[in-house]
């Protein structure tokens, strides 16, 4: 379907969707969300995991080429972090930032992001 769209139509659609405000998510399990908030805001120094907010912003709003994470679906975010870990999705910075996260930590930080 998209193959028939002109570049200007694609640009218009992209501009429309990028201008939409994120929808605030509903809180999930409090302990999991709190642990995820800590990972997002402070990182895990002992495991060389930096704070996600240092690039993605205080409220996970993103900036230019750095994507907004706020309000994304938890399963989508978890799949992307797993893809960065395994280099199935090539991004050296995100690989380095995610390679030492456990499955539980991925679940925690992605649960937190759904609440923003």
PDB file of N, CA and C in Angstrom:
ATOM      1  N   UNK A   1       0.813  -1.193   0.000  1.00  0.00           N
ATOM      2  CA  UNK A   1       0.000   0.000   0.000  1.00  0.00           C
ATOM      3  C   UNK A   1       0.858   1.259   0.000  1.00  0.00           C
ATOM      4  N   UNK A   2       1.881   1.258   0.829  1.00  0.00           N
ATOM      5  CA  UNK A   2       2.698   2.459   0.974  1.00  0.00           C
ATOM      6  C   UNK A   2       3.555   2.722  -0.257  1.00  0.00           C
ATOM      7  N   UNK A   3       3.812   1.708  -1.065  1.00  0.00           N
ATOM      8  CA  UNK A   3       4.661   1.886  -2.247  1.00  0.00           C
ATOM      9  C   UNK A   3       4.078   2.906  -3.220  1.00  0.00           C
ATOM     10  N   UNK A   4       2.791   3.105  -3.191  1.00  0.00           N
ATOM     11  CA  UNK A   4       2.133   4.037  -4.122  1.00  0.00           C
ATOM     12  C   UNK A   4       2.071   5.469  -3.606  1.00  0.00           C
ATOM     13  N   UNK A   5       2.503   5.678  -2.385  1.00  0.00           N
ATOM     14  CA  UNK A   5       2.456   7.025  -1.813  1.00  0.00           C
ATOM     15  C   UNK A   5       3.611   7.868  -2.329  1.00  0.00           C
ATOM     16  N   UNK A   6       3.323   9.133  -2.579  1.00  0.00           N
ATOM     17  CA  UNK A   6       4.383  10.052  -3.005  1.00  0.00           C
ATOM     18  C   UNK A   6       5.223  10.448  -1.796  1.00  0.00           C
ATOM     19  N   UNK A   7       6.415  10.961  -2.069  1.00  0.00           N
ATOM     20  CA  UNK A   7       7.277  11.408  -0.968  1.00  0.00           C
ATOM     21  C   UNK A   7       6.606  12.492  -0.138  1.00  0.00           C
ATOM     22  N   UNK A   8       5.891  13.402  -0.785  1.00  0.00           N
ATOM     23  CA  UNK A   8       5.239  14.482  -0.032  1.00  0.00           C
ATOM     24  C   UNK A   8       4.100  13.937   0.834  1.00  0.00           C
ATOM     25  N   UNK A   9       3.403  12.926   0.358  1.00  0.00           N
ATOM     26  CA  UNK A   9       2.348  12.314   1.165  1.00  0.00           C
ATOM     27  C   UNK A   9       2.952  11.595   2.362  1.00  0.00           C
ATOM     28  N   UNK A  10       4.039  10.880   2.143  1.00  0.00           N
ATOM     29  CA  UNK A  10       4.734  10.198   3.245  1.00  0.00           C
ATOM     30  C   UNK A  10       5.210  11.220   4.266  1.00  0.00           C
ATOM     31  N   UNK A  11       5.788  12.328   3.793  1.00  0.00           N
ATOM     32  CA  UNK A  11       6.239  13.382   4.708  1.00  0.00           C
ATOM     33  C   UNK A  11       5.071  13.950   5.510  1.00  0.00           C
ATOM     34  N   UNK A  12       3.928  14.137   4.870  1.00  0.00           N
ATOM     35  CA  UNK A  12       2.744  14.653   5.559  1.00  0.00           C
ATOM     36  C   UNK A  12       2.236  13.697   6.621  1.00  0.00           C
ATOM     37  N   UNK A  13       2.207  12.412   6.297  1.00  0.00           N
ATOM     38  CA  UNK A  13       1.766  11.405   7.266  1.00  0.00           C
ATOM     39  C   UNK A  13       2.736  11.348   8.445  1.00  0.00           C
ATOM     40  N   UNK A  14       4.019  11.355   8.153  1.00  0.00           N
ATOM     41  CA  UNK A  14       5.027  11.323   9.215  1.00  0.00           C
ATOM     42  C   UNK A  14       4.914  12.551  10.112  1.00  0.00           C
ATOM     43  N   UNK A  15       4.707  13.718   9.506  1.00  0.00           N
ATOM     44  CA  UNK A  15       4.572  14.944  10.295  1.00  0.00           C
ATOM     45  C   UNK A  15       3.344  14.880  11.194  1.00  0.00           C
ATOM     46  N   UNK A  16       2.259  14.355  10.668  1.00  0.00           N
ATOM     47  CA  UNK A  16       1.040  14.235  11.467  1.00  0.00           C
ATOM     48  C   UNK A  16       1.267  13.335  12.676  1.00  0.00           C
ATOM     49  N   UNK A  17       1.789  12.137  12.442  1.00  0.00           N
ATOM     50  CA  UNK A  17       1.973  11.209  13.554  1.00  0.00           C
ATOM     51  C   UNK A  17       3.023  11.704  14.543  1.00  0.00           C
ATOM     52  N   UNK A  18       4.067  12.337  14.071  1.00  0.00           N
ATOM     53  CA  UNK A  18       5.096  12.819  15.004  1.00  0.00           C
ATOM     54  C   UNK A  18       4.608  13.995  15.840  1.00  0.00           C
ATOM     55  N   UNK A  19       3.544  14.669  15.393  1.00  0.00           N
ATOM     56  CA  UNK A  19       3.019  15.808  16.154  1.00  0.00           C
ATOM     57  C   UNK A  19       1.995  15.396  17.204  1.00  0.00           C
ATOM     58  N   UNK A  20       1.601  14.127  17.224  1.00  0.00           N
ATOM     59  CA  UNK A  20       0.605  13.662  18.182  1.00  0.00           C
ATOM     60  C   UNK A  20       1.225  13.531  19.572  1.00  0.00           C
ATOM     61  N   UNK A  21       0.552  14.034  20.590  1.00  0.00           N
ATOM     62  CA  UNK A  21       1.101  13.893  21.951  1.00  0.00           C
ATOM     63  C   UNK A  21       0.996  12.439  22.400  1.00  0.00           C
ATOM     64  N   UNK A  22       1.963  11.988  23.200  1.00  0.00           N
ATOM     65  CA  UNK A  22       1.887  10.609  23.690  1.00  0.00           C
ATOM     66  C   UNK A  22       0.682  10.429  24.610  1.00  0.00           C
ATOM     67  N   UNK A  23       0.108   9.260  24.567  1.00  0.00           N
ATOM     68  CA  UNK A  23      -1.005   8.925  25.446  1.00  0.00           C
ATOM     69  C   UNK A  23      -0.424   8.365  26.731  1.00  0.00           C
ATOM     70  N   UNK A  24      -0.845   8.931  27.846  1.00  0.00           N
ATOM     71  CA  UNK A  24      -0.324   8.476  29.141  1.00  0.00           C
ATOM     72  C   UNK A  24      -0.851   7.081  29.424  1.00  0.00           C
ATOM     73  N   UNK A  25       0.067   6.207  29.821  1.00  0.00           N
ATOM     74  CA  UNK A  25      -0.293   4.829  30.113  1.00  0.00           C
ATOM     75  C   UNK A  25      -0.875   4.677  31.505  1.00  0.00           C
ATOM     76  N   UNK A  26      -1.344   3.476  31.785  1.00  0.00           N
ATOM     77  CA  UNK A  26      -1.883   3.155  33.101  1.00  0.00           C
ATOM     78  C   UNK A  26      -0.797   2.492  33.934  1.00  0.00           C
ATOM     79  N   UNK A  27      -0.724   2.807  35.215  1.00  0.00           N
ATOM     80  CA  UNK A  27       0.293   2.187  36.063  1.00  0.00           C
ATOM     81  C   UNK A  27       0.155   0.670  36.085  1.00  0.00           C
ATOM     82  N   UNK A  28       1.287   0.004  36.065  1.00  0.00           N
ATOM     83  CA  UNK A  28       1.290  -1.451  36.187  1.00  0.00           C
ATOM     84  C   UNK A  28       1.724  -1.803  37.600  1.00  0.00           C
ATOM     85  N   UNK A  29       2.200  -3.003  37.803  1.00  0.00           N
ATOM     86  CA  UNK A  29       2.629  -3.438  39.139  1.00  0.00           C
ATOM     87  C   UNK A  29       3.598  -2.411  39.727  1.00  0.00           C
ATOM     88  N   UNK A  30       3.279  -1.918  40.896  1.00  0.00           N
ATOM     89  CA  UNK A  30       4.044  -0.824  41.486  1.00  0.00           C
ATOM     90  C   UNK A  30       5.513  -1.148  41.719  1.00  0.00           C
ATOM     91  N   UNK A  31       5.819  -2.336  42.224  1.00  0.00           N
ATOM     92  CA  UNK A  31       7.217  -2.683  42.480  1.00  0.00           C
ATOM     93  C   UNK A  31       8.005  -2.746  41.174  1.00  0.00           C
ATOM     94  N   UNK A  32       7.409  -3.344  40.158  1.00  0.00           N
ATOM     95  CA  UNK A  32       8.081  -3.445  38.861  1.00  0.00           C
ATOM     96  C   UNK A  32       8.280  -2.057  38.250  1.00  0.00           C
ATOM     97  N   UNK A  33       7.262  -1.228  38.318  1.00  0.00           N
ATOM     98  CA  UNK A  33       7.345   0.121  37.773  1.00  0.00           C
ATOM     99  C   UNK A  33       8.378   0.961  38.517  1.00  0.00           C
ATOM    100  N   UNK A  34       8.427   0.846  39.824  1.00  0.00           N
ATOM    101  CA  UNK A  34       9.407   1.597  40.623  1.00  0.00           C
ATOM    102  C   UNK A  34      10.823   1.169  40.275  1.00  0.00           C
ATOM    103  N   UNK A  35      11.037  -0.131  40.119  1.00  0.00           N
ATOM    104  CA  UNK A  35      12.366  -0.622  39.737  1.00  0.00           C
ATOM    105  C   UNK A  35      12.737  -0.113  38.346  1.00  0.00           C
ATOM    106  N   UNK A  36      11.774  -0.091  37.449  1.00  0.00           N
ATOM    107  CA  UNK A  36      12.014   0.420  36.097  1.00  0.00           C
ATOM    108  C   UNK A  36      12.320   1.910  36.090  1.00  0.00           C
ATOM    109  N   UNK A  37      11.639   2.662  36.948  1.00  0.00           N
ATOM    110  CA  UNK A  37      11.908   4.099  37.055  1.00  0.00           C
ATOM    111  C   UNK A  37      13.345   4.334  37.491  1.00  0.00           C
ATOM    112  N   UNK A  38      13.807   3.513  38.399  1.00  0.00           N
ATOM    113  CA  UNK A  38      15.188   3.656  38.886  1.00  0.00           C
ATOM    114  C   UNK A  38      16.186   3.362  37.759  1.00  0.00           C
ATOM    115  N   UNK A  39      15.939   2.314  36.983  1.00  0.00           N
ATOM    116  CA  UNK A  39      16.817   2.008  35.847  1.00  0.00           C
ATOM    117  C   UNK A  39      16.786   3.155  34.847  1.00  0.00           C
ATOM    118  N   UNK A  40      15.593   3.649  34.543  1.00  0.00           N
ATOM    119  CA  UNK A  40      15.450   4.710  33.544  1.00  0.00           C
ATOM    120  C   UNK A  40      16.158   5.990  33.985  1.00  0.00           C
ATOM    121  N   UNK A  41      16.008   6.353  35.251  1.00  0.00           N
ATOM    122  CA  UNK A  41      16.560   7.635  35.712  1.00  0.00           C
ATOM    123  C   UNK A  41      17.999   7.559  36.216  1.00  0.00           C
ATOM    124  N   UNK A  42      18.408   6.390  36.737  1.00  0.00           N
ATOM    125  CA  UNK A  42      19.743   6.280  37.329  1.00  0.00           C
ATOM    126  C   UNK A  42      20.670   5.307  36.615  1.00  0.00           C
ATOM    127  N   UNK A  43      20.094   4.364  35.854  1.00  0.00           N
ATOM    128  CA  UNK A  43      20.905   3.320  35.253  1.00  0.00           C
ATOM    129  C   UNK A  43      21.276   2.280  36.295  1.00  0.00           C
ATOM    130  N   UNK A  44      22.196   1.406  35.929  1.00  0.00           N
ATOM    131  CA  UNK A  44      22.695   0.382  36.855  1.00  0.00           C
ATOM    132  C   UNK A  44      24.217   0.424  36.746  1.00  0.00           C
ATOM    133  N   UNK A  45      24.829   1.217  37.569  1.00  0.00           N
ATOM    134  CA  UNK A  45      26.278   1.449  37.488  1.00  0.00           C
ATOM    135  C   UNK A  45      27.083   0.161  37.584  1.00  0.00           C
ATOM    136  N   UNK A  46      26.672  -0.741  38.458  1.00  0.00           N
ATOM    137  CA  UNK A  46      27.427  -1.984  38.656  1.00  0.00           C
ATOM    138  C   UNK A  46      27.427  -2.882  37.414  1.00  0.00           C
ATOM    139  N   UNK A  47      26.487  -2.638  36.508  1.00  0.00           N
ATOM    140  CA  UNK A  47      26.382  -3.450  35.294  1.00  0.00           C
ATOM    141  C   UNK A  47      26.644  -2.631  34.026  1.00  0.00           C
ATOM    142  N   UNK A  48      27.196  -1.442  34.211  1.00  0.00           N
ATOM    143  CA  UNK A  48      27.520  -0.549  33.087  1.00  0.00           C
ATOM    144  C   UNK A  48      26.311  -0.200  32.223  1.00  0.00           C
ATOM    145  N   UNK A  49      25.159  -0.062  32.859  1.00  0.00           N
ATOM    146  CA  UNK A  49      23.948   0.339  32.155  1.00  0.00           C
ATOM    147  C   UNK A  49      23.692   1.800  32.490  1.00  0.00           C
ATOM    148  N   UNK A  50      23.782   2.699  31.494  1.00  0.00           N
ATOM    149  CA  UNK A  50      23.554   4.109  31.781  1.00  0.00           C
ATOM    150  C   UNK A  50      22.071   4.423  31.965  1.00  0.00           C
ATOM    151  N   UNK A  51      21.790   5.561  32.536  1.00  0.00           N
ATOM    152  CA  UNK A  51      20.407   6.018  32.675  1.00  0.00           C
ATOM    153  C   UNK A  51      19.821   6.281  31.295  1.00  0.00           C
ATOM    154  N   UNK A  52      18.684   5.696  31.018  1.00  0.00           N
ATOM    155  CA  UNK A  52      18.026   5.866  29.712  1.00  0.00           C
ATOM    156  C   UNK A  52      17.678   7.333  29.457  1.00  0.00           C
ATOM    157  N   UNK A  53      17.319   8.033  30.530  1.00  0.00           N
ATOM    158  CA  UNK A  53      16.874   9.417  30.357  1.00  0.00           C
ATOM    159  C   UNK A  53      17.991  10.347  29.893  1.00  0.00           C
ATOM    160  N   UNK A  54      19.240   9.925  30.017  1.00  0.00           N
ATOM    161  CA  UNK A  54      20.327  10.793  29.560  1.00  0.00           C
ATOM    162  C   UNK A  54      20.244  11.041  28.056  1.00  0.00           C
ATOM    163  N   UNK A  55      19.656  10.127  27.310  1.00  0.00           N
ATOM    164  CA  UNK A  55      19.465  10.327  25.870  1.00  0.00           C
ATOM    165  C   UNK A  55      17.993  10.545  25.514  1.00  0.00           C
ATOM    166  N   UNK A  56      17.102   9.771  26.124  1.00  0.00           N
ATOM    167  CA  UNK A  56      15.694   9.785  25.726  1.00  0.00           C
ATOM    168  C   UNK A  56      14.878  10.863  26.424  1.00  0.00           C
ATOM    169  N   UNK A  57      15.475  11.572  27.379  1.00  0.00           N
ATOM    170  CA  UNK A  57      14.793  12.677  28.041  1.00  0.00           C
ATOM    171  C   UNK A  57      14.136  12.286  29.353  1.00  0.00           C
ATOM    172  N   UNK A  58      13.903  13.285  30.175  1.00  0.00           N
ATOM    173  CA  UNK A  58      13.348  13.076  31.510  1.00  0.00           C
ATOM    174  C   UNK A  58      12.014  12.347  31.475  1.00  0.00           C
ATOM    175  N   UNK A  59      11.197  12.658  30.500  1.00  0.00           N
ATOM    176  CA  UNK A  59       9.883  12.031  30.392  1.00  0.00           C
ATOM    177  C   UNK A  59       9.801  11.095  29.187  1.00  0.00           C
ATOM    178  N   UNK A  60      10.961  10.615  28.725  1.00  0.00           N
ATOM    179  CA  UNK A  60      11.058   9.668  27.599  1.00  0.00           C
ATOM    180  C   UNK A  60      10.443  10.221  26.325  1.00  0.00           C
ATOM    181  N   UNK A  61      10.547  11.556  26.175  1.00  0.00           N
ATOM    182  CA  UNK A  61       9.934  12.214  25.024  1.00  0.00           C
ATOM    183  C   UNK A  61      10.795  12.151  23.767  1.00  0.00           C
ATOM    184  N   UNK A  62      12.058  11.750  23.909  1.00  0.00           N
ATOM    185  CA  UNK A  62      12.960  11.691  22.755  1.00  0.00           C
ATOM    186  C   UNK A  62      13.373  13.079  22.311  1.00  0.00           C
ATOM    187  N   UNK A  63      14.238  13.101  21.305  1.00  0.00           N
ATOM    188  CA  UNK A  63      14.715  14.382  20.790  1.00  0.00           C
ATOM    189  C   UNK A  63      15.341  14.140  19.428  1.00  0.00           C
ATOM    190  N   UNK A  64      14.722  14.645  18.385  1.00  0.00           N
ATOM    191  CA  UNK A  64      15.260  14.469  17.037  1.00  0.00           C
ATOM    192  C   UNK A  64      15.381  12.998  16.678  1.00  0.00           C
ATOM    193  N   UNK A  65      16.608  12.535  16.405  1.00  0.00           N
ATOM    194  CA  UNK A  65      16.777  11.129  16.005  1.00  0.00           C
ATOM    195  C   UNK A  65      16.638  10.132  17.160  1.00  0.00           C
ATOM    196  N   UNK A  66      16.614  10.626  18.378  1.00  0.00           N
ATOM    197  CA  UNK A  66      16.445   9.748  19.545  1.00  0.00           C
ATOM    198  C   UNK A  66      14.944   9.595  19.777  1.00  0.00           C
ATOM    199  N   UNK A  67      14.430   8.373  19.680  1.00  0.00           N
ATOM    200  CA  UNK A  67      12.979   8.192  19.684  1.00  0.00           C
ATOM    201  C   UNK A  67      12.311   8.387  21.036  1.00  0.00           C
ATOM    202  N   UNK A  68      11.049   8.771  20.951  1.00  0.00           N
ATOM    203  CA  UNK A  68      10.188   8.853  22.125  1.00  0.00           C
ATOM    204  C   UNK A  68       9.865   7.426  22.557  1.00  0.00           C
ATOM    205  N   UNK A  69       9.984   7.159  23.839  1.00  0.00           N
ATOM    206  CA  UNK A  69       9.655   5.844  24.392  1.00  0.00           C
ATOM    207  C   UNK A  69       8.365   5.894  25.203  1.00  0.00           C
ATOM    208  N   UNK A  70       8.009   7.071  25.676  1.00  0.00           N
ATOM    209  CA  UNK A  70       6.831   7.238  26.521  1.00  0.00           C
ATOM    210  C   UNK A  70       5.582   6.740  25.810  1.00  0.00           C
ATOM    211  N   UNK A  71       4.820   5.931  26.525  1.00  0.00           N
ATOM    212  CA  UNK A  71       3.538   5.486  26.015  1.00  0.00           C
ATOM    213  C   UNK A  71       3.586   4.363  24.993  1.00  0.00           C
ATOM    214  N   UNK A  72       4.764   3.883  24.664  1.00  0.00           N
ATOM    215  CA  UNK A  72       4.854   2.759  23.730  1.00  0.00           C
ATOM    216  C   UNK A  72       4.379   1.491  24.430  1.00  0.00           C
ATOM    217  N   UNK A  73       3.992   0.499  23.663  1.00  0.00           N
ATOM    218  CA  UNK A  73       3.563  -0.781  24.223  1.00  0.00           C
ATOM    219  C   UNK A  73       4.753  -1.506  24.841  1.00  0.00           C
ATOM    220  N   UNK A  74       4.534  -2.084  26.007  1.00  0.00           N
ATOM    221  CA  UNK A  74       5.611  -2.753  26.730  1.00  0.00           C
ATOM    222  C   UNK A  74       6.225  -3.879  25.902  1.00  0.00           C
ATOM    223  N   UNK A  75       5.413  -4.700  25.268  1.00  0.00           N
ATOM    224  CA  UNK A  75       5.947  -5.830  24.490  1.00  0.00           C
ATOM    225  C   UNK A  75       6.817  -5.333  23.339  1.00  0.00           C
ATOM    226  N   UNK A  76       6.413  -4.242  22.695  1.00  0.00           N
ATOM    227  CA  UNK A  76       7.206  -3.671  21.604  1.00  0.00           C
ATOM    228  C   UNK A  76       8.565  -3.208  22.123  1.00  0.00           C
ATOM    229  N   UNK A  77       8.559  -2.457  23.219  1.00  0.00           N
ATOM    230  CA  UNK A  77       9.812  -1.954  23.775  1.00  0.00           C
ATOM    231  C   UNK A  77      10.731  -3.097  24.197  1.00  0.00           C
ATOM    232  N   UNK A  78      10.167  -4.126  24.814  1.00  0.00           N
ATOM    233  CA  UNK A  78      10.973  -5.269  25.242  1.00  0.00           C
ATOM    234  C   UNK A  78      11.599  -5.971  24.032  1.00  0.00           C
ATOM    235  N   UNK A  79      10.820  -6.159  22.962  1.00  0.00           N
ATOM    236  CA  UNK A  79      11.372  -6.791  21.751  1.00  0.00           C
ATOM    237  C   UNK A  79      12.507  -5.972  21.167  1.00  0.00           C
ATOM    238  N   UNK A  80      12.386  -4.652  21.204  1.00  0.00           N
ATOM    239  CA  UNK A  80      13.440  -3.804  20.652  1.00  0.00           C
ATOM    240  C   UNK A  80      14.707  -3.899  21.497  1.00  0.00           C
ATOM    241  N   UNK A  81      14.572  -3.880  22.813  1.00  0.00           N
ATOM    242  CA  UNK A  81      15.758  -4.018  23.670  1.00  0.00           C
ATOM    243  C   UNK A  81      16.431  -5.366  23.460  1.00  0.00           C
ATOM    244  N   UNK A  82      15.631  -6.411  23.331  1.00  0.00           N
ATOM    245  CA  UNK A  82      16.194  -7.744  23.061  1.00  0.00           C
ATOM    246  C   UNK A  82      16.895  -7.774  21.706  1.00  0.00           C
ATOM    247  N   UNK A  83      16.336  -7.096  20.717  1.00  0.00           N
ATOM    248  CA  UNK A  83      16.955  -7.032  19.386  1.00  0.00           C
ATOM    249  C   UNK A  83      18.271  -6.253  19.442  1.00  0.00           C
ATOM    250  N   UNK A  84      18.319  -5.180  20.233  1.00  0.00           N
ATOM    251  CA  UNK A  84      19.577  -4.443  20.393  1.00  0.00           C
ATOM    252  C   UNK A  84      20.616  -5.313  21.097  1.00  0.00           C
ATOM    253  N   UNK A  85      20.202  -6.061  22.110  1.00  0.00           N
ATOM    254  CA  UNK A  85      21.124  -6.940  22.833  1.00  0.00           C
ATOM    255  C   UNK A  85      21.798  -7.934  21.902  1.00  0.00           C
ATOM    256  N   UNK A  86      21.025  -8.541  21.039  1.00  0.00           N
ATOM    257  CA  UNK A  86      21.537  -9.605  20.168  1.00  0.00           C
ATOM    258  C   UNK A  86      22.117  -9.069  18.862  1.00  0.00           C
ATOM    259  N   UNK A  87      22.024  -7.774  18.655  1.00  0.00           N
ATOM    260  CA  UNK A  87      22.445  -7.116  17.413  1.00  0.00           C
ATOM    261  C   UNK A  87      21.569  -7.516  16.222  1.00  0.00           C
ATOM    262  N   UNK A  88      20.379  -8.076  16.492  1.00  0.00           N
ATOM    263  CA  UNK A  88      19.410  -8.308  15.420  1.00  0.00           C
ATOM    264  C   UNK A  88      18.960  -6.957  14.879  1.00  0.00           C
ATOM    265  N   UNK A  89      18.993  -5.955  15.723  1.00  0.00           N
ATOM    266  CA  UNK A  89      18.755  -4.576  15.320  1.00  0.00           C
ATOM    267  C   UNK A  89      20.068  -3.845  15.564  1.00  0.00           C
ATOM    268  N   UNK A  90      20.742  -3.489  14.496  1.00  0.00           N
ATOM    269  CA  UNK A  90      22.094  -2.942  14.600  1.00  0.00           C
ATOM    270  C   UNK A  90      22.077  -1.491  15.052  1.00  0.00           C
ATOM    271  N   UNK A  91      22.589  -1.265  16.236  1.00  0.00           N
ATOM    272  CA  UNK A  91      22.788   0.071  16.776  1.00  0.00           C
ATOM    273  C   UNK A  91      23.804  -0.100  17.897  1.00  0.00           C
ATOM    274  N   UNK A  92      25.023   0.276  17.626  1.00  0.00           N
ATOM    275  CA  UNK A  92      26.116   0.014  18.568  1.00  0.00           C
ATOM    276  C   UNK A  92      25.880   0.659  19.931  1.00  0.00           C
ATOM    277  N   UNK A  93      25.353   1.870  19.949  1.00  0.00           N
ATOM    278  CA  UNK A  93      25.115   2.553  21.226  1.00  0.00           C
ATOM    279  C   UNK A  93      24.074   1.798  22.044  1.00  0.00           C
ATOM    280  N   UNK A  94      22.956   1.442  21.416  1.00  0.00           N
ATOM    281  CA  UNK A  94      21.918   0.725  22.145  1.00  0.00           C
ATOM    282  C   UNK A  94      22.357  -0.693  22.500  1.00  0.00           C
ATOM    283  N   UNK A  95      23.190  -1.300  21.683  1.00  0.00           N
ATOM    284  CA  UNK A  95      23.723  -2.619  22.034  1.00  0.00           C
ATOM    285  C   UNK A  95      24.546  -2.522  23.318  1.00  0.00           C
ATOM    286  N   UNK A  96      25.439  -1.551  23.370  1.00  0.00           N
ATOM    287  CA  UNK A  96      26.269  -1.374  24.568  1.00  0.00           C
ATOM    288  C   UNK A  96      25.422  -1.052  25.792  1.00  0.00           C
ATOM    289  N   UNK A  97      24.365  -0.257  25.598  1.00  0.00           N
ATOM    290  CA  UNK A  97      23.520   0.141  26.728  1.00  0.00           C
ATOM    291  C   UNK A  97      22.615  -0.990  27.219  1.00  0.00           C
ATOM    292  N   UNK A  98      22.279  -1.920  26.349  1.00  0.00           N
ATOM    293  CA  UNK A  98      21.301  -2.952  26.714  1.00  0.00           C
ATOM    294  C   UNK A  98      21.891  -4.342  26.909  1.00  0.00           C
ATOM    295  N   UNK A  99      23.111  -4.563  26.501  1.00  0.00           N
ATOM    296  CA  UNK A  99      23.661  -5.923  26.478  1.00  0.00           C
ATOM    297  C   UNK A  99      23.734  -6.582  27.849  1.00  0.00           C
ATOM    298  N   UNK A 100      23.798  -5.810  28.923  1.00  0.00           N
ATOM    299  CA  UNK A 100      23.917  -6.383  30.258  1.00  0.00           C
ATOM    300  C   UNK A 100      22.600  -6.393  31.034  1.00  0.00           C
ATOM    301  N   UNK A 101      21.502  -5.996  30.396  1.00  0.00           N
ATOM    302  CA  UNK A 101      20.209  -6.034  31.068  1.00  0.00           C
ATOM    303  C   UNK A 101      19.680  -7.467  31.133  1.00  0.00           C
ATOM    304  N   UNK A 102      19.109  -7.823  32.266  1.00  0.00           N
ATOM    305  CA  UNK A 102      18.461  -9.119  32.392  1.00  0.00           C
ATOM    306  C   UNK A 102      17.031  -9.011  31.856  1.00  0.00           C
ATOM    307  N   UNK A 103      16.392 -10.146  31.651  1.00  0.00           N
ATOM    308  CA  UNK A 103      14.993 -10.149  31.208  1.00  0.00           C
ATOM    309  C   UNK A 103      14.111  -9.418  32.218  1.00  0.00           C
ATOM    310  N   UNK A 104      14.399  -9.608  33.498  1.00  0.00           N
ATOM    311  CA  UNK A 104      13.618  -8.931  34.540  1.00  0.00           C
ATOM    312  C   UNK A 104      13.801  -7.414  34.468  1.00  0.00           C
ATOM    313  N   UNK A 105      15.028  -6.956  34.260  1.00  0.00           N
ATOM    314  CA  UNK A 105      15.288  -5.518  34.164  1.00  0.00           C
ATOM    315  C   UNK A 105      14.623  -4.922  32.922  1.00  0.00           C
ATOM    316  N   UNK A 106      14.627  -5.659  31.833  1.00  0.00           N
ATOM    317  CA  UNK A 106      13.936  -5.192  30.625  1.00  0.00           C
ATOM    318  C   UNK A 106      12.445  -5.051  30.919  1.00  0.00           C
ATOM    319  N   UNK A 107      11.882  -6.027  31.597  1.00  0.00           N
ATOM    320  CA  UNK A 107      10.468  -5.962  31.957  1.00  0.00           C
ATOM    321  C   UNK A 107      10.183  -4.763  32.851  1.00  0.00           C
ATOM    322  N   UNK A 108      11.073  -4.498  33.782  1.00  0.00           N
ATOM    323  CA  UNK A 108      10.881  -3.382  34.705  1.00  0.00           C
ATOM    324  C   UNK A 108      10.926  -2.037  33.984  1.00  0.00           C
ATOM    325  N   UNK A 109      11.962  -1.821  33.193  1.00  0.00           N
ATOM    326  CA  UNK A 109      12.093  -0.513  32.549  1.00  0.00           C
ATOM    327  C   UNK A 109      10.999  -0.301  31.505  1.00  0.00           C
ATOM    328  N   UNK A 110      10.606  -1.360  30.813  1.00  0.00           N
ATOM    329  CA  UNK A 110       9.532  -1.185  29.824  1.00  0.00           C
ATOM    330  C   UNK A 110       8.175  -0.999  30.499  1.00  0.00           C
ATOM    331  N   UNK A 111       7.966  -1.611  31.668  1.00  0.00           N
ATOM    332  CA  UNK A 111       6.732  -1.373  32.427  1.00  0.00           C
ATOM    333  C   UNK A 111       6.667   0.091  32.832  1.00  0.00           C
ATOM    334  N   UNK A 112       7.779   0.633  33.279  1.00  0.00           N
ATOM    335  CA  UNK A 112       7.822   2.046  33.666  1.00  0.00           C
ATOM    336  C   UNK A 112       7.496   2.949  32.475  1.00  0.00           C
ATOM    337  N   UNK A 113       8.057   2.654  31.333  1.00  0.00           N
ATOM    338  CA  UNK A 113       7.851   3.511  30.162  1.00  0.00           C
ATOM    339  C   UNK A 113       6.391   3.563  29.719  1.00  0.00           C
ATOM    340  N   UNK A 114       5.653   2.508  29.969  1.00  0.00           N
ATOM    341  CA  UNK A 114       4.237   2.522  29.587  1.00  0.00           C
ATOM    342  C   UNK A 114       3.409   3.457  30.457  1.00  0.00           C
ATOM    343  N   UNK A 115       3.960   3.882  31.593  1.00  0.00           N
ATOM    344  CA  UNK A 115       3.219   4.762  32.498  1.00  0.00           C
ATOM    345  C   UNK A 115       3.456   6.238  32.206  1.00  0.00           C
ATOM    346  N   UNK A 116       4.405   6.539  31.343  1.00  0.00           N
ATOM    347  CA  UNK A 116       4.728   7.946  31.064  1.00  0.00           C
ATOM    348  C   UNK A 116       3.805   8.547  30.028  1.00  0.00           C
TER     349      UNK A 116
END
